[in-house]
N, C-alpha and C. Protein backbone atom coordinates (compact mmCIF):
# COMPACT_ATOMS: atom_id res chain seq x y z
N MET A 1 -0.98 101.48 -16.50
CA MET A 1 -0.38 100.41 -15.75
C MET A 1 -0.45 99.10 -16.54
N ARG A 2 -1.49 98.92 -17.33
CA ARG A 2 -1.60 97.71 -18.12
C ARG A 2 -0.50 97.62 -19.16
N LYS A 3 -0.15 98.71 -19.81
CA LYS A 3 0.91 98.72 -20.81
C LYS A 3 2.23 98.32 -20.18
N THR A 4 2.48 98.79 -18.99
CA THR A 4 3.73 98.47 -18.30
C THR A 4 3.78 96.98 -17.98
N THR A 5 2.67 96.43 -17.51
CA THR A 5 2.62 95.01 -17.16
C THR A 5 2.79 94.16 -18.42
N ARG A 6 2.14 94.56 -19.47
CA ARG A 6 2.28 93.82 -20.73
C ARG A 6 3.71 93.88 -21.25
N ALA A 7 4.34 95.02 -21.20
CA ALA A 7 5.72 95.19 -21.66
C ALA A 7 6.66 94.34 -20.82
N PHE A 8 6.42 94.31 -19.52
CA PHE A 8 7.24 93.50 -18.62
C PHE A 8 7.06 92.00 -18.96
N ALA A 9 5.84 91.56 -19.22
CA ALA A 9 5.56 90.16 -19.54
C ALA A 9 6.20 89.77 -20.88
N VAL A 10 6.10 90.65 -21.84
CA VAL A 10 6.72 90.38 -23.14
C VAL A 10 8.23 90.31 -22.99
N GLY A 11 8.83 91.16 -22.20
CA GLY A 11 10.28 91.14 -21.95
C GLY A 11 10.71 89.84 -21.28
N MET A 12 9.92 89.40 -20.29
CA MET A 12 10.23 88.14 -19.60
C MET A 12 10.13 86.96 -20.58
N LEU A 13 9.09 86.95 -21.41
CA LEU A 13 8.90 85.89 -22.39
C LEU A 13 10.07 85.87 -23.38
N PHE A 14 10.49 87.02 -23.85
CA PHE A 14 11.60 87.13 -24.79
C PHE A 14 12.90 86.63 -24.15
N ALA A 15 13.19 87.06 -22.93
CA ALA A 15 14.41 86.65 -22.24
C ALA A 15 14.41 85.15 -21.98
N THR A 16 13.27 84.60 -21.59
CA THR A 16 13.17 83.16 -21.33
C THR A 16 13.40 82.37 -22.62
N THR A 17 12.86 82.86 -23.72
CA THR A 17 13.04 82.19 -25.00
C THR A 17 14.53 82.17 -25.40
N ILE A 18 15.20 83.29 -25.24
CA ILE A 18 16.62 83.37 -25.58
C ILE A 18 17.43 82.41 -24.70
N LEU A 19 17.16 82.38 -23.42
CA LEU A 19 17.88 81.48 -22.51
C LEU A 19 17.62 80.01 -22.87
N ALA A 20 16.40 79.69 -23.23
CA ALA A 20 16.07 78.31 -23.60
C ALA A 20 16.83 77.89 -24.87
N ILE A 21 16.90 78.79 -25.85
CA ILE A 21 17.61 78.49 -27.09
C ILE A 21 19.10 78.27 -26.82
N VAL A 22 19.70 79.13 -26.04
CA VAL A 22 21.12 79.00 -25.71
C VAL A 22 21.37 77.69 -24.97
N HIS A 23 20.54 77.38 -24.01
CA HIS A 23 20.70 76.16 -23.23
C HIS A 23 20.53 74.92 -24.12
N TYR A 24 19.53 74.92 -24.97
CA TYR A 24 19.26 73.77 -25.83
C TYR A 24 20.40 73.54 -26.83
N THR A 25 20.91 74.61 -27.44
CA THR A 25 21.98 74.44 -28.43
C THR A 25 23.28 73.99 -27.77
N ASN A 26 23.58 74.45 -26.57
CA ASN A 26 24.80 74.00 -25.88
C ASN A 26 24.72 72.51 -25.55
N ASP A 27 23.57 72.05 -25.06
CA ASP A 27 23.41 70.63 -24.74
C ASP A 27 23.51 69.78 -26.01
N LYS A 28 22.94 70.28 -27.10
CA LYS A 28 22.93 69.54 -28.36
C LYS A 28 24.36 69.38 -28.88
N GLN A 29 25.18 70.43 -28.74
CA GLN A 29 26.57 70.36 -29.19
C GLN A 29 27.36 69.35 -28.38
N LYS A 30 27.14 69.30 -27.09
CA LYS A 30 27.85 68.34 -26.24
C LYS A 30 27.47 66.91 -26.63
N GLN A 31 26.19 66.66 -26.91
CA GLN A 31 25.76 65.33 -27.31
C GLN A 31 26.34 64.96 -28.67
N ASN A 32 26.39 65.91 -29.60
CA ASN A 32 26.95 65.64 -30.92
C ASN A 32 28.42 65.30 -30.84
N ASP A 33 29.16 65.98 -29.98
CA ASP A 33 30.58 65.70 -29.82
C ASP A 33 30.80 64.29 -29.30
N ALA A 34 30.00 63.88 -28.33
CA ALA A 34 30.15 62.54 -27.77
C ALA A 34 29.78 61.49 -28.80
N ILE A 35 28.74 61.71 -29.55
CA ILE A 35 28.33 60.76 -30.57
C ILE A 35 29.35 60.71 -31.69
N SER A 36 29.85 61.84 -32.12
CA SER A 36 30.81 61.83 -33.21
C SER A 36 32.11 61.14 -32.80
N GLN A 37 32.51 61.24 -31.56
CA GLN A 37 33.70 60.52 -31.08
C GLN A 37 33.47 59.02 -31.14
N GLN A 38 32.29 58.57 -30.71
CA GLN A 38 31.95 57.15 -30.76
C GLN A 38 31.88 56.68 -32.21
N GLN A 39 31.27 57.47 -33.05
CA GLN A 39 31.17 57.10 -34.46
C GLN A 39 32.55 57.02 -35.09
N TYR A 40 33.42 57.95 -34.72
CA TYR A 40 34.78 57.95 -35.25
C TYR A 40 35.51 56.67 -34.88
N GLU A 41 35.43 56.29 -33.64
CA GLU A 41 36.09 55.07 -33.18
C GLU A 41 35.52 53.84 -33.89
N GLN A 42 34.21 53.82 -34.09
CA GLN A 42 33.57 52.71 -34.77
C GLN A 42 34.01 52.66 -36.24
N LEU A 43 34.08 53.80 -36.89
CA LEU A 43 34.50 53.85 -38.29
C LEU A 43 35.96 53.41 -38.45
N VAL A 44 36.81 53.81 -37.52
CA VAL A 44 38.21 53.39 -37.59
C VAL A 44 38.32 51.88 -37.43
N ALA A 45 37.55 51.31 -36.51
CA ALA A 45 37.57 49.86 -36.32
C ALA A 45 37.07 49.14 -37.58
N GLU A 46 36.00 49.64 -38.19
CA GLU A 46 35.47 49.03 -39.41
C GLU A 46 36.46 49.15 -40.56
N ARG A 47 37.14 50.29 -40.65
CA ARG A 47 38.13 50.49 -41.71
C ARG A 47 39.28 49.50 -41.56
N ASN A 48 39.75 49.32 -40.35
CA ASN A 48 40.85 48.37 -40.11
C ASN A 48 40.42 46.95 -40.46
N GLU A 49 39.20 46.61 -40.11
CA GLU A 49 38.68 45.27 -40.40
C GLU A 49 38.57 45.06 -41.91
N LEU A 50 38.07 46.07 -42.62
CA LEU A 50 37.95 45.96 -44.07
C LEU A 50 39.32 45.90 -44.75
N ALA A 51 40.28 46.63 -44.21
CA ALA A 51 41.64 46.60 -44.77
C ALA A 51 42.24 45.20 -44.63
N GLU A 52 42.01 44.55 -43.50
CA GLU A 52 42.51 43.19 -43.29
C GLU A 52 41.85 42.22 -44.27
N LYS A 53 40.53 42.36 -44.46
CA LYS A 53 39.82 41.49 -45.40
C LYS A 53 40.34 41.70 -46.82
N LEU A 54 40.62 42.95 -47.18
CA LEU A 54 41.13 43.26 -48.51
C LEU A 54 42.49 42.62 -48.73
N GLU A 55 43.36 42.68 -47.74
CA GLU A 55 44.68 42.07 -47.84
C GLU A 55 44.56 40.56 -48.02
N LYS A 56 43.67 39.92 -47.27
CA LYS A 56 43.46 38.47 -47.41
C LYS A 56 42.96 38.14 -48.81
N GLN A 57 42.03 38.96 -49.30
CA GLN A 57 41.46 38.71 -50.62
C GLN A 57 42.51 38.89 -51.71
N LYS A 58 43.39 39.87 -51.56
CA LYS A 58 44.47 40.08 -52.53
C LYS A 58 45.40 38.88 -52.57
N LYS A 59 45.73 38.36 -51.39
CA LYS A 59 46.62 37.20 -51.33
C LYS A 59 45.98 35.98 -51.98
N GLU A 60 44.68 35.78 -51.75
CA GLU A 60 43.97 34.66 -52.36
C GLU A 60 43.91 34.82 -53.88
N THR A 61 43.71 36.04 -54.34
CA THR A 61 43.64 36.31 -55.77
C THR A 61 45.00 36.05 -56.42
N GLU A 62 46.07 36.44 -55.75
CA GLU A 62 47.41 36.22 -56.29
C GLU A 62 47.70 34.73 -56.41
N LYS A 63 47.16 33.94 -55.51
CA LYS A 63 47.38 32.49 -55.56
C LYS A 63 46.64 31.85 -56.72
N THR A 64 45.43 32.34 -57.02
CA THR A 64 44.62 31.71 -58.07
C THR A 64 44.89 32.30 -59.45
N THR A 65 45.34 33.52 -59.55
CA THR A 65 45.52 34.18 -60.83
C THR A 65 46.59 33.52 -61.72
N PRO A 66 47.76 33.15 -61.21
CA PRO A 66 48.77 32.58 -62.11
C PRO A 66 48.31 31.32 -62.84
N SER A 67 47.53 30.49 -62.21
CA SER A 67 47.06 29.28 -62.87
C SER A 67 46.14 29.61 -64.04
N GLN A 68 45.37 30.69 -63.91
CA GLN A 68 44.49 31.08 -65.00
C GLN A 68 45.29 31.69 -66.15
N LYS A 69 46.34 32.42 -65.85
CA LYS A 69 47.15 33.06 -66.88
C LYS A 69 47.99 32.04 -67.64
N GLU A 70 48.35 30.94 -67.02
CA GLU A 70 49.19 29.95 -67.65
C GLU A 70 48.46 29.20 -68.75
N LYS A 71 47.15 29.19 -68.71
CA LYS A 71 46.37 28.43 -69.67
C LYS A 71 46.31 29.19 -71.00
N VAL A 72 46.99 28.64 -72.01
CA VAL A 72 47.02 29.25 -73.33
C VAL A 72 46.40 28.25 -74.30
N TYR A 73 45.42 28.73 -75.04
CA TYR A 73 44.75 27.89 -76.02
C TYR A 73 45.44 28.02 -77.38
N ILE A 74 45.59 26.90 -78.05
CA ILE A 74 46.17 26.88 -79.40
C ILE A 74 45.10 26.33 -80.34
N TYR A 75 44.93 27.02 -81.47
CA TYR A 75 43.87 26.64 -82.40
C TYR A 75 44.40 26.71 -83.83
N THR A 76 44.07 25.72 -84.60
CA THR A 76 44.42 25.72 -86.02
C THR A 76 43.20 26.24 -86.78
N LEU A 77 43.34 27.42 -87.32
CA LEU A 77 42.25 28.10 -88.01
C LEU A 77 42.37 27.87 -89.50
N THR A 78 41.32 27.36 -90.09
CA THR A 78 41.28 27.16 -91.53
C THR A 78 40.23 28.10 -92.12
N ILE A 79 40.69 28.95 -93.01
CA ILE A 79 39.79 29.92 -93.65
C ILE A 79 39.58 29.47 -95.09
N ALA A 80 38.32 29.26 -95.44
CA ALA A 80 37.98 28.87 -96.81
C ALA A 80 37.83 30.11 -97.68
N LYS A 81 37.96 29.91 -98.98
CA LYS A 81 37.84 31.01 -99.92
C LYS A 81 36.42 31.57 -99.86
N GLY A 82 36.29 32.89 -99.70
CA GLY A 82 34.99 33.56 -99.66
C GLY A 82 34.30 33.49 -98.30
N GLU A 83 34.98 33.00 -97.29
CA GLU A 83 34.37 32.88 -95.97
C GLU A 83 34.26 34.26 -95.31
N ALA A 84 33.16 34.50 -94.63
CA ALA A 84 32.91 35.80 -94.00
C ALA A 84 33.76 35.97 -92.74
N SER A 85 34.16 37.19 -92.49
CA SER A 85 34.97 37.48 -91.31
C SER A 85 34.17 37.23 -90.03
N ARG A 86 32.87 37.36 -90.11
CA ARG A 86 32.00 37.10 -88.95
C ARG A 86 32.12 35.64 -88.51
N ASP A 87 32.15 34.73 -89.50
CA ASP A 87 32.28 33.30 -89.19
C ASP A 87 33.65 33.00 -88.57
N VAL A 88 34.68 33.63 -89.08
CA VAL A 88 36.03 33.43 -88.54
C VAL A 88 36.08 33.93 -87.10
N ALA A 89 35.51 35.09 -86.85
CA ALA A 89 35.51 35.66 -85.49
C ALA A 89 34.74 34.77 -84.53
N ASN A 90 33.61 34.24 -84.96
CA ASN A 90 32.83 33.35 -84.09
C ASN A 90 33.60 32.07 -83.76
N ARG A 91 34.31 31.52 -84.74
CA ARG A 91 35.10 30.32 -84.47
C ARG A 91 36.25 30.61 -83.51
N LEU A 92 36.88 31.77 -83.67
CA LEU A 92 37.96 32.16 -82.75
C LEU A 92 37.44 32.33 -81.33
N GLU A 93 36.24 32.87 -81.22
CA GLU A 93 35.64 33.04 -79.89
C GLU A 93 35.31 31.68 -79.28
N GLN A 94 34.75 30.79 -80.04
CA GLN A 94 34.41 29.46 -79.54
C GLN A 94 35.65 28.67 -79.13
N ALA A 95 36.77 28.92 -79.78
CA ALA A 95 38.02 28.23 -79.46
C ALA A 95 38.78 28.92 -78.33
N HIS A 96 38.20 29.96 -77.73
CA HIS A 96 38.79 30.72 -76.61
C HIS A 96 40.08 31.44 -77.01
N ILE A 97 40.20 31.77 -78.28
CA ILE A 97 41.36 32.54 -78.74
C ILE A 97 41.13 34.02 -78.49
N ILE A 98 39.90 34.48 -78.72
CA ILE A 98 39.53 35.87 -78.43
C ILE A 98 38.37 35.86 -77.44
N ASP A 99 38.23 36.96 -76.70
CA ASP A 99 37.17 37.05 -75.70
C ASP A 99 35.82 37.36 -76.30
N ASP A 100 35.80 38.21 -77.33
CA ASP A 100 34.52 38.65 -77.88
C ASP A 100 34.63 38.78 -79.40
N ALA A 101 33.78 38.07 -80.11
CA ALA A 101 33.80 38.10 -81.57
C ALA A 101 33.44 39.48 -82.09
N GLN A 102 32.50 40.14 -81.45
CA GLN A 102 32.06 41.46 -81.92
C GLN A 102 33.19 42.49 -81.81
N SER A 103 33.96 42.45 -80.73
CA SER A 103 35.07 43.41 -80.60
C SER A 103 36.15 43.12 -81.64
N PHE A 104 36.35 41.84 -81.97
CA PHE A 104 37.31 41.50 -83.03
C PHE A 104 36.83 42.01 -84.38
N LEU A 105 35.54 41.88 -84.65
CA LEU A 105 34.98 42.41 -85.90
C LEU A 105 35.10 43.93 -85.96
N THR A 106 34.89 44.57 -84.84
CA THR A 106 35.04 46.03 -84.77
C THR A 106 36.48 46.42 -85.08
N TYR A 107 37.43 45.64 -84.53
CA TYR A 107 38.85 45.90 -84.82
C TYR A 107 39.12 45.77 -86.32
N LEU A 108 38.60 44.71 -86.92
CA LEU A 108 38.79 44.52 -88.37
C LEU A 108 38.18 45.67 -89.17
N ASP A 109 36.99 46.11 -88.75
CA ASP A 109 36.32 47.22 -89.45
C ASP A 109 37.12 48.51 -89.34
N THR A 110 37.59 48.83 -88.16
CA THR A 110 38.31 50.10 -87.97
C THR A 110 39.63 50.11 -88.72
N HIS A 111 40.23 48.95 -88.92
CA HIS A 111 41.49 48.88 -89.66
C HIS A 111 41.28 48.47 -91.13
N GLN A 112 40.03 48.43 -91.54
CA GLN A 112 39.64 48.13 -92.91
C GLN A 112 40.25 46.80 -93.39
N LEU A 113 40.11 45.78 -92.53
CA LEU A 113 40.66 44.45 -92.84
C LEU A 113 39.57 43.39 -92.98
N THR A 114 38.32 43.80 -93.02
CA THR A 114 37.20 42.86 -93.06
C THR A 114 37.28 41.97 -94.30
N ARG A 115 37.67 42.53 -95.43
CA ARG A 115 37.73 41.76 -96.69
C ARG A 115 39.16 41.32 -97.02
N ALA A 116 40.08 41.54 -96.09
CA ALA A 116 41.48 41.22 -96.36
C ALA A 116 41.88 39.83 -95.87
N LEU A 117 40.94 39.06 -95.32
CA LEU A 117 41.26 37.72 -94.84
C LEU A 117 41.65 36.82 -96.02
N ARG A 118 42.73 36.08 -95.84
CA ARG A 118 43.23 35.21 -96.91
C ARG A 118 42.93 33.75 -96.58
N PRO A 119 42.47 32.99 -97.55
CA PRO A 119 42.22 31.57 -97.31
C PRO A 119 43.53 30.84 -96.95
N GLY A 120 43.38 29.87 -96.07
CA GLY A 120 44.55 29.10 -95.68
C GLY A 120 44.37 28.52 -94.29
N THR A 121 45.44 27.89 -93.80
CA THR A 121 45.43 27.30 -92.47
C THR A 121 46.46 28.02 -91.63
N TYR A 122 46.02 28.48 -90.45
CA TYR A 122 46.87 29.28 -89.58
C TYR A 122 46.79 28.73 -88.15
N VAL A 123 47.92 28.79 -87.44
CA VAL A 123 47.93 28.40 -86.03
C VAL A 123 47.93 29.69 -85.21
N VAL A 124 46.90 29.84 -84.37
CA VAL A 124 46.78 31.03 -83.52
C VAL A 124 46.66 30.59 -82.07
N THR A 125 47.08 31.47 -81.16
CA THR A 125 47.02 31.16 -79.72
C THR A 125 46.25 32.25 -78.99
N SER A 126 45.80 31.91 -77.80
CA SER A 126 44.99 32.86 -77.03
C SER A 126 45.80 34.00 -76.44
N ASP A 127 47.13 33.89 -76.43
CA ASP A 127 47.93 35.00 -75.90
C ASP A 127 48.33 36.00 -76.98
N MET A 128 47.83 35.80 -78.19
CA MET A 128 48.09 36.74 -79.28
C MET A 128 47.11 37.91 -79.21
N SER A 129 47.57 39.08 -79.61
CA SER A 129 46.70 40.25 -79.66
C SER A 129 45.91 40.24 -80.97
N TYR A 130 44.92 41.12 -81.05
CA TYR A 130 44.14 41.24 -82.29
C TYR A 130 45.06 41.58 -83.47
N GLU A 131 46.00 42.44 -83.23
CA GLU A 131 46.93 42.86 -84.27
C GLU A 131 47.75 41.68 -84.78
N GLN A 132 48.25 40.86 -83.86
CA GLN A 132 49.05 39.70 -84.27
C GLN A 132 48.22 38.69 -85.05
N ILE A 133 46.99 38.47 -84.60
CA ILE A 133 46.12 37.52 -85.31
C ILE A 133 45.81 38.02 -86.72
N THR A 134 45.48 39.31 -86.83
CA THR A 134 45.13 39.84 -88.16
C THR A 134 46.33 39.88 -89.09
N LYS A 135 47.52 40.14 -88.56
CA LYS A 135 48.71 40.09 -89.42
C LYS A 135 48.92 38.71 -90.00
N LYS A 136 48.64 37.72 -89.18
CA LYS A 136 48.83 36.34 -89.59
C LYS A 136 47.81 35.92 -90.65
N ILE A 137 46.54 36.29 -90.46
CA ILE A 137 45.50 35.79 -91.35
C ILE A 137 45.20 36.72 -92.55
N THR A 138 45.89 37.86 -92.64
CA THR A 138 45.65 38.75 -93.77
C THR A 138 46.84 38.84 -94.71
N LYS A 139 47.91 38.13 -94.46
CA LYS A 139 49.08 38.22 -95.34
C LYS A 139 48.81 37.52 -96.65
């Protein structure tokens, strides 16, 4: 009789556990659906708000950008005989003709123009490319 009672108790415990798991997972899914709907609506609202801010920022950038692009620097570069290309690049950078002296030196190195600079006086502008500047000062 004890074995029967124990088997019955174990069966009841097993059935109760299964019912509790099913009940708990169903409630959890319903809560997740409600939360995910709320989160979705919140994310859509945030996305719309960010899109509006981005559009405003683009318009402001378009207003300020043309004035910066219109500014062109003109520089009269004088290269002395035997002057190092590093010195020329630094002066071009200081005169706002090029953005970075090191990248200009790298350009000269890759095109094997480091020693091809010719002494003289040249007029260069900030809207010229590296290629245009080097053609002018290496002829």
